[in-house]
Amino acid sequence: MSTGAGRVSGFGDRLAAGMDDLGPLCVGIDPHPALLASWGLPDDVAGLRRFALTVVDALAGKVAALKPQSAFFERHGAAGVAVLEEVLAAGRADGRTQMILDAKRGDIGSTMAGYADAYLRDGAPLACDALTVSPYLGVGALEPAVRAALGSGRGLFVLALTSNPEGAGVQHATAAGPDGPEAVAAAVARQVRDLNAAELAGGGRLGSLGLVVGATVGPAVRNLGIDLAAVRGPLLAPGVGAQGAGPAQLRELFGTARRAVLATTSRAVLAAGPDTAALLDAAARATAEAAAALR
């Protein structure tokens, strides 16, 4: 993961290249019971494995990113986590599709360092290309994960504006900032912006530290005064497709930051399975729609 100049090739570099080549789509791997049933699979480890590896086999190398949701593997215990290890390794083997683990980890001190060691270390069984993390113990508390990610050419997606209605009570709240009061989400974006600026001083289009910004948050970005383009990191945008966000919402929400957006969909693609050709067709349609909206 290094460049000719000796700089570690970052996640942002790889993701930007993948989005250019394959389009700005991330497909979630969310094997919840209803989807397993719709595929005619049992809600057990065997069904979980078949579901997840079918998605990887169909879409690795065809979409910019895949995003396994850790909870749906953890619910099956140690055997489910073993399947997650297999899925992450299989997805990363292609080299073009980035594997984003949606685990939303966040803690302090040695515990955060433990999470970083689990997911962001070369050779770790659960190694992914990028990890979702929660900043609500303070963005500074993520430092072990930031250090591990940047040191190994991996990335983080930091929760900023999530699409669940309960999130607004925390994320829209006002806190003291360096230049006066600012929304909590704006403070998160500002601190991630500053971290990316240090990485991008060596060049590159996207930093390796991104934000999670729900595609269904409406006018919140504008109302809270958040400059997403200034973050210069990838913007993971769940809520596309079945959750209601379409081209108009993407254009309005992300504005001049559109080229950094990785549109995320799950059900709209996964519902096409278990036939791999149908999965690929559904992903191709979703990719074309996202690319048109974010052009």
Protein backbone atom coordinates (compact mmCIF):
# COMPACT_ATOMS: atom_id res chain seq x y z
CA MET A 1 0.00 0.00 0.00
CA SER A 2 2.79 2.42 -0.75
CA THR A 3 3.51 4.90 -3.52
CA GLY A 4 6.74 5.46 -5.34
CA ALA A 5 7.51 8.41 -3.08
CA GLY A 6 7.38 6.21 0.01
CA ARG A 7 4.01 7.56 1.15
CA VAL A 8 1.49 4.99 2.33
CA SER A 9 -1.28 4.81 -0.27
CA GLY A 10 -4.35 5.81 1.67
CA PHE A 11 -7.89 4.52 1.66
CA GLY A 12 -9.05 7.82 0.16
CA ASP A 13 -6.75 7.31 -2.84
CA ARG A 14 -8.05 3.80 -3.46
CA LEU A 15 -11.69 4.68 -2.95
CA ALA A 16 -11.47 7.67 -5.29
CA ALA A 17 -9.94 5.45 -7.98
CA GLY A 18 -12.62 2.83 -7.44
CA MET A 19 -15.41 5.39 -7.66
CA ASP A 20 -13.93 6.71 -10.92
CA ASP A 21 -13.70 3.20 -12.40
CA LEU A 22 -16.78 1.48 -10.96
CA GLY A 23 -19.13 4.30 -9.99
CA PRO A 24 -20.08 5.88 -6.64
CA LEU A 25 -21.99 2.96 -5.11
CA CYS A 26 -21.58 1.01 -1.89
CA VAL A 27 -23.80 -2.05 -1.40
CA GLY A 28 -24.54 -3.06 2.17
CA ILE A 29 -24.36 -6.72 3.16
CA ASP A 30 -27.21 -6.84 5.67
CA PRO A 31 -28.27 -10.46 6.23
CA HIS A 32 -31.17 -9.78 8.56
CA PRO A 33 -33.78 -12.51 9.06
CA ALA A 34 -36.35 -11.12 6.59
CA LEU A 35 -33.81 -11.01 3.76
CA LEU A 36 -32.56 -14.49 4.52
CA ALA A 37 -36.15 -15.70 4.36
CA SER A 38 -36.82 -13.89 1.07
CA TRP A 39 -33.82 -15.72 -0.41
CA GLY A 40 -35.20 -19.04 0.85
CA LEU A 41 -32.36 -19.37 3.36
CA PRO A 42 -32.50 -20.45 7.01
CA ASP A 43 -31.74 -17.94 9.74
CA ASP A 44 -28.59 -19.75 10.84
CA VAL A 45 -24.86 -19.68 10.15
CA ALA A 46 -25.20 -21.71 6.95
CA GLY A 47 -27.80 -19.27 5.58
CA LEU A 48 -25.72 -16.31 6.71
CA ARG A 49 -22.62 -17.63 4.94
CA ARG A 50 -24.40 -18.44 1.71
CA PHE A 51 -26.11 -15.05 1.63
CA ALA A 52 -23.01 -12.97 2.33
CA LEU A 53 -20.64 -14.85 0.06
CA THR A 54 -23.19 -14.80 -2.77
CA VAL A 55 -23.23 -11.00 -2.57
CA VAL A 56 -19.42 -10.86 -2.53
CA ASP A 57 -19.11 -13.29 -5.44
CA ALA A 58 -21.62 -11.29 -7.48
CA LEU A 59 -20.39 -7.77 -6.75
CA ALA A 60 -16.70 -7.75 -5.76
CA GLY A 61 -14.86 -5.99 -8.53
CA LYS A 62 -18.15 -4.57 -9.86
CA VAL A 63 -18.95 -1.87 -7.26
CA ALA A 64 -16.69 0.60 -5.48
CA ALA A 65 -17.46 -0.72 -2.00
CA LEU A 66 -19.26 -3.41 -0.04
CA LYS A 67 -20.36 -2.79 3.55
CA PRO A 68 -21.03 -5.76 5.82
CA GLN A 69 -23.10 -4.82 8.87
CA SER A 70 -21.31 -6.44 11.79
CA ALA A 71 -24.43 -6.82 13.95
CA PHE A 72 -26.06 -9.30 11.59
CA PHE A 73 -22.99 -11.53 11.83
CA GLU A 74 -22.46 -11.08 15.59
CA ARG A 75 -26.04 -12.21 16.31
CA HIS A 76 -24.93 -15.72 15.30
CA GLY A 77 -22.12 -15.77 17.87
CA ALA A 78 -18.56 -16.91 17.26
CA ALA A 79 -19.54 -18.85 14.13
CA GLY A 80 -21.12 -15.71 12.68
CA VAL A 81 -17.99 -13.67 13.36
CA ALA A 82 -15.99 -16.38 11.59
CA VAL A 83 -18.24 -15.87 8.56
CA LEU A 84 -17.57 -12.13 8.78
CA GLU A 85 -13.81 -12.83 8.70
CA GLU A 86 -14.32 -14.94 5.58
CA VAL A 87 -16.47 -12.29 3.90
CA LEU A 88 -13.99 -9.49 4.59
CA ALA A 89 -11.10 -11.55 3.24
CA ALA A 90 -13.03 -12.63 0.14
CA GLY A 91 -14.07 -9.06 -0.65
CA ARG A 92 -10.61 -7.62 -0.18
CA ALA A 93 -9.00 -10.29 -2.39
CA ASP A 94 -10.25 -8.58 -5.55
CA GLY A 95 -8.38 -5.37 -4.72
CA ARG A 96 -10.76 -3.00 -6.51
CA THR A 97 -13.75 -3.10 -4.19
CA GLN A 98 -13.21 -1.53 -0.78
CA MET A 99 -14.61 -3.43 2.21
CA ILE A 100 -16.17 -1.05 4.73
CA LEU A 101 -17.08 -2.70 8.02
CA ASP A 102 -20.13 -1.08 9.57
CA ALA A 103 -19.48 -1.61 13.29
CA LYS A 104 -19.78 1.97 14.64
CA ARG A 105 -17.10 1.44 17.29
CA GLY A 106 -16.26 4.23 19.71
CA ASP A 107 -14.52 4.22 23.07
CA ILE A 108 -11.55 5.71 24.91
CA GLY A 109 -7.92 4.87 25.59
CA SER A 110 -6.80 1.25 25.49
CA THR A 111 -10.30 0.06 24.54
CA MET A 112 -10.29 2.19 21.39
CA ALA A 113 -6.79 0.95 20.69
CA GLY A 114 -8.13 -2.60 21.00
CA TYR A 115 -10.80 -1.90 18.40
CA ALA A 116 -8.15 -0.38 16.14
CA ASP A 117 -6.03 -3.50 16.53
CA ALA A 118 -8.99 -5.72 15.68
CA TYR A 119 -10.02 -3.99 12.47
CA LEU A 120 -7.24 -1.73 11.20
CA ARG A 121 -4.07 -3.79 11.57
CA ASP A 122 -2.36 -5.67 8.76
CA GLY A 123 -2.96 -9.35 9.33
CA ALA A 124 -5.88 -8.94 11.74
CA PRO A 125 -8.58 -11.57 11.09
CA LEU A 126 -11.23 -8.83 10.88
CA ALA A 127 -9.10 -6.40 8.86
CA CYS A 128 -11.20 -4.16 6.64
CA ASP A 129 -10.41 -1.28 4.30
CA ALA A 130 -12.41 1.17 6.41
CA LEU A 131 -14.39 1.11 9.64
CA THR A 132 -17.39 3.16 10.76
CA VAL A 133 -16.79 4.83 14.13
CA SER A 134 -18.79 6.90 16.60
CA PRO A 135 -17.31 10.24 17.78
CA TYR A 136 -19.67 10.80 20.69
CA LEU A 137 -17.01 10.25 23.33
CA GLY A 138 -15.14 13.03 21.55
CA VAL A 139 -13.41 13.00 18.15
CA GLY A 140 -10.10 13.09 20.02
CA ALA A 141 -10.93 9.74 21.64
CA LEU A 142 -10.75 8.19 18.15
CA GLU A 143 -7.02 8.96 17.96
CA PRO A 144 -5.87 5.31 18.26
CA ALA A 145 -8.11 4.37 15.34
CA VAL A 146 -7.03 7.42 13.31
CA ARG A 147 -3.37 6.56 13.89
CA ALA A 148 -3.88 2.90 13.01
CA ALA A 149 -5.92 3.66 9.90
CA LEU A 150 -3.52 6.20 8.46
CA GLY A 151 -0.50 4.10 9.34
CA SER A 152 -1.82 1.05 7.48
CA GLY A 153 -3.46 2.73 4.50
CA ARG A 154 -6.97 2.22 5.84
CA GLY A 155 -9.82 4.62 6.52
CA LEU A 156 -12.57 5.63 8.92
CA PHE A 157 -16.10 6.89 8.41
CA VAL A 158 -17.08 9.07 11.36
CA LEU A 159 -20.77 9.42 12.19
CA ALA A 160 -21.82 13.02 11.63
CA LEU A 161 -25.43 13.37 10.47
CA THR A 162 -27.31 10.10 10.62
CA SER A 163 -30.71 9.55 9.05
CA ASN A 164 -32.46 8.13 12.14
CA PRO A 165 -34.80 10.71 13.70
CA GLU A 166 -33.32 10.22 17.20
CA GLY A 167 -29.90 11.38 15.98
CA ALA A 168 -30.91 15.01 15.60
CA GLY A 169 -31.26 15.48 19.36
CA VAL A 170 -27.51 14.98 19.73
CA GLN A 171 -26.10 15.89 16.33
CA HIS A 172 -27.99 19.18 15.93
CA ALA A 173 -27.32 20.31 19.50
CA THR A 174 -25.12 23.34 20.00
CA ALA A 175 -21.73 23.16 21.67
CA ALA A 176 -18.88 25.62 22.20
CA GLY A 177 -16.50 25.78 19.25
CA PRO A 178 -13.26 27.68 18.58
CA ASP A 179 -15.14 30.47 16.81
CA GLY A 180 -18.34 30.42 18.85
CA PRO A 181 -21.28 28.06 19.21
CA GLU A 182 -21.58 25.32 16.59
CA ALA A 183 -23.67 22.21 16.09
CA VAL A 184 -22.16 18.95 17.30
CA ALA A 185 -22.25 17.58 13.73
CA ALA A 186 -20.46 20.70 12.50
CA ALA A 187 -17.76 20.21 15.16
CA VAL A 188 -17.27 16.60 14.04
CA ALA A 189 -16.96 17.70 10.39
CA ARG A 190 -14.49 20.45 11.31
CA GLN A 191 -12.21 18.11 13.23
CA VAL A 192 -12.25 15.48 10.48
CA ARG A 193 -11.47 18.26 7.99
CA ASP A 194 -8.40 19.24 10.00
CA LEU A 195 -7.18 15.64 10.17
CA ASN A 196 -7.58 15.23 6.43
CA ALA A 197 -5.72 18.46 5.76
CA ALA A 198 -2.63 17.01 7.42
CA GLU A 199 -2.83 13.83 5.32
CA LEU A 200 -3.55 15.67 2.06
CA ALA A 201 -0.59 17.99 2.51
CA GLY A 202 1.27 15.16 0.73
CA GLY A 203 -1.19 15.13 -2.19
CA GLY A 204 -4.32 13.21 -3.11
CA ARG A 205 -7.95 13.95 -3.97
CA LEU A 206 -9.66 12.47 -0.93
CA GLY A 207 -8.41 12.05 2.59
CA SER A 208 -8.84 8.69 4.26
CA LEU A 209 -11.13 10.01 7.00
CA GLY A 210 -14.72 10.40 5.89
CA LEU A 211 -18.11 11.21 7.33
CA VAL A 212 -21.38 9.33 7.48
CA VAL A 213 -24.09 11.72 6.26
CA GLY A 214 -27.51 10.20 5.74
CA ALA A 215 -28.98 10.89 2.34
CA THR A 216 -32.36 11.56 3.96
CA VAL A 217 -31.34 14.32 6.41
CA GLY A 218 -32.94 17.00 4.25
CA PRO A 219 -31.78 20.59 4.84
CA ALA A 220 -29.74 19.77 7.96
CA VAL A 221 -26.33 20.30 6.31
CA ARG A 222 -27.31 23.77 5.15
CA ASN A 223 -29.18 24.71 8.32
CA LEU A 224 -26.24 23.71 10.54
CA GLY A 225 -23.69 25.56 8.40
CA ILE A 226 -21.62 22.49 7.50
CA ASP A 227 -19.27 22.76 4.53
CA LEU A 228 -18.98 19.15 3.36
CA ALA A 229 -16.70 20.01 0.45
CA ALA A 230 -14.14 21.44 2.90
CA VAL A 231 -13.85 18.07 4.65
CA ARG A 232 -12.03 16.67 1.59
CA GLY A 233 -12.88 13.14 2.64
CA PRO A 234 -15.34 10.54 1.36
CA LEU A 235 -18.97 10.95 2.37
CA LEU A 236 -20.80 7.69 3.05
CA ALA A 237 -24.46 8.35 2.32
CA PRO A 238 -26.86 5.65 3.55
CA GLY A 239 -30.54 5.95 2.73
CA VAL A 240 -30.41 5.72 -1.06
CA GLY A 241 -33.10 3.62 -2.70
CA ALA A 242 -35.52 1.79 -0.41
CA GLN A 243 -35.14 4.40 2.35
CA GLY A 244 -36.34 7.15 0.04
CA ALA A 245 -33.38 9.23 -1.16
CA GLY A 246 -33.17 9.68 -4.91
CA PRO A 247 -31.27 11.90 -7.37
CA ALA A 248 -32.96 15.15 -6.31
CA GLN A 249 -32.17 14.58 -2.63
CA LEU A 250 -28.54 13.70 -3.36
CA ARG A 251 -27.98 16.80 -5.51
CA GLU A 252 -29.63 19.14 -3.03
CA LEU A 253 -27.95 17.72 0.05
CA PHE A 254 -24.36 17.37 -1.13
CA GLY A 255 -24.01 20.26 -3.58
CA THR A 256 -20.39 20.90 -4.51
CA ALA A 257 -19.27 17.89 -2.44
CA ARG A 258 -21.06 15.48 -4.81
CA ARG A 259 -17.89 13.91 -6.23
CA ALA A 260 -16.90 12.74 -2.75
CA VAL A 261 -20.21 10.93 -2.10
CA LEU A 262 -20.37 7.15 -1.89
CA ALA A 263 -24.08 6.39 -2.15
CA THR A 264 -25.09 3.41 -0.04
CA THR A 265 -27.92 1.04 -0.74
CA SER A 266 -28.85 -2.35 0.66
CA ARG A 267 -32.39 -3.59 0.19
CA ALA A 268 -32.81 -2.13 -3.30
CA VAL A 269 -30.01 -4.40 -4.52
CA LEU A 270 -30.18 -7.33 -2.10
CA ALA A 271 -33.88 -7.91 -2.82
CA ALA A 272 -32.84 -9.05 -6.31
CA GLY A 273 -31.01 -12.12 -4.94
CA PRO A 274 -30.19 -14.89 -4.68
CA ASP A 275 -29.61 -14.98 -8.44
CA THR A 276 -26.15 -13.48 -9.02
CA ALA A 277 -27.01 -12.06 -12.44
CA ALA A 278 -30.04 -10.30 -10.96
CA LEU A 279 -27.90 -8.91 -8.13
CA LEU A 280 -25.40 -7.57 -10.65
CA ASP A 281 -28.17 -6.01 -12.76
CA ALA A 282 -29.71 -4.33 -9.71
CA ALA A 283 -26.31 -2.98 -8.64
CA ALA A 284 -25.62 -1.70 -12.16
CA ARG A 285 -28.93 0.19 -12.17
CA ALA A 286 -28.27 1.66 -8.73
CA THR A 287 -24.76 2.67 -9.79
CA ALA A 288 -26.05 4.43 -12.91
CA GLU A 289 -28.69 6.28 -10.91
CA ALA A 290 -26.19 7.41 -8.28
CA ALA A 291 -23.65 8.46 -10.91
CA ALA A 292 -26.27 10.55 -12.74
CA ALA A 293 -27.39 12.21 -9.52
CA LEU A 294 -23.84 12.99 -8.36
CA ARG A 295 -22.40 14.12 -11.69
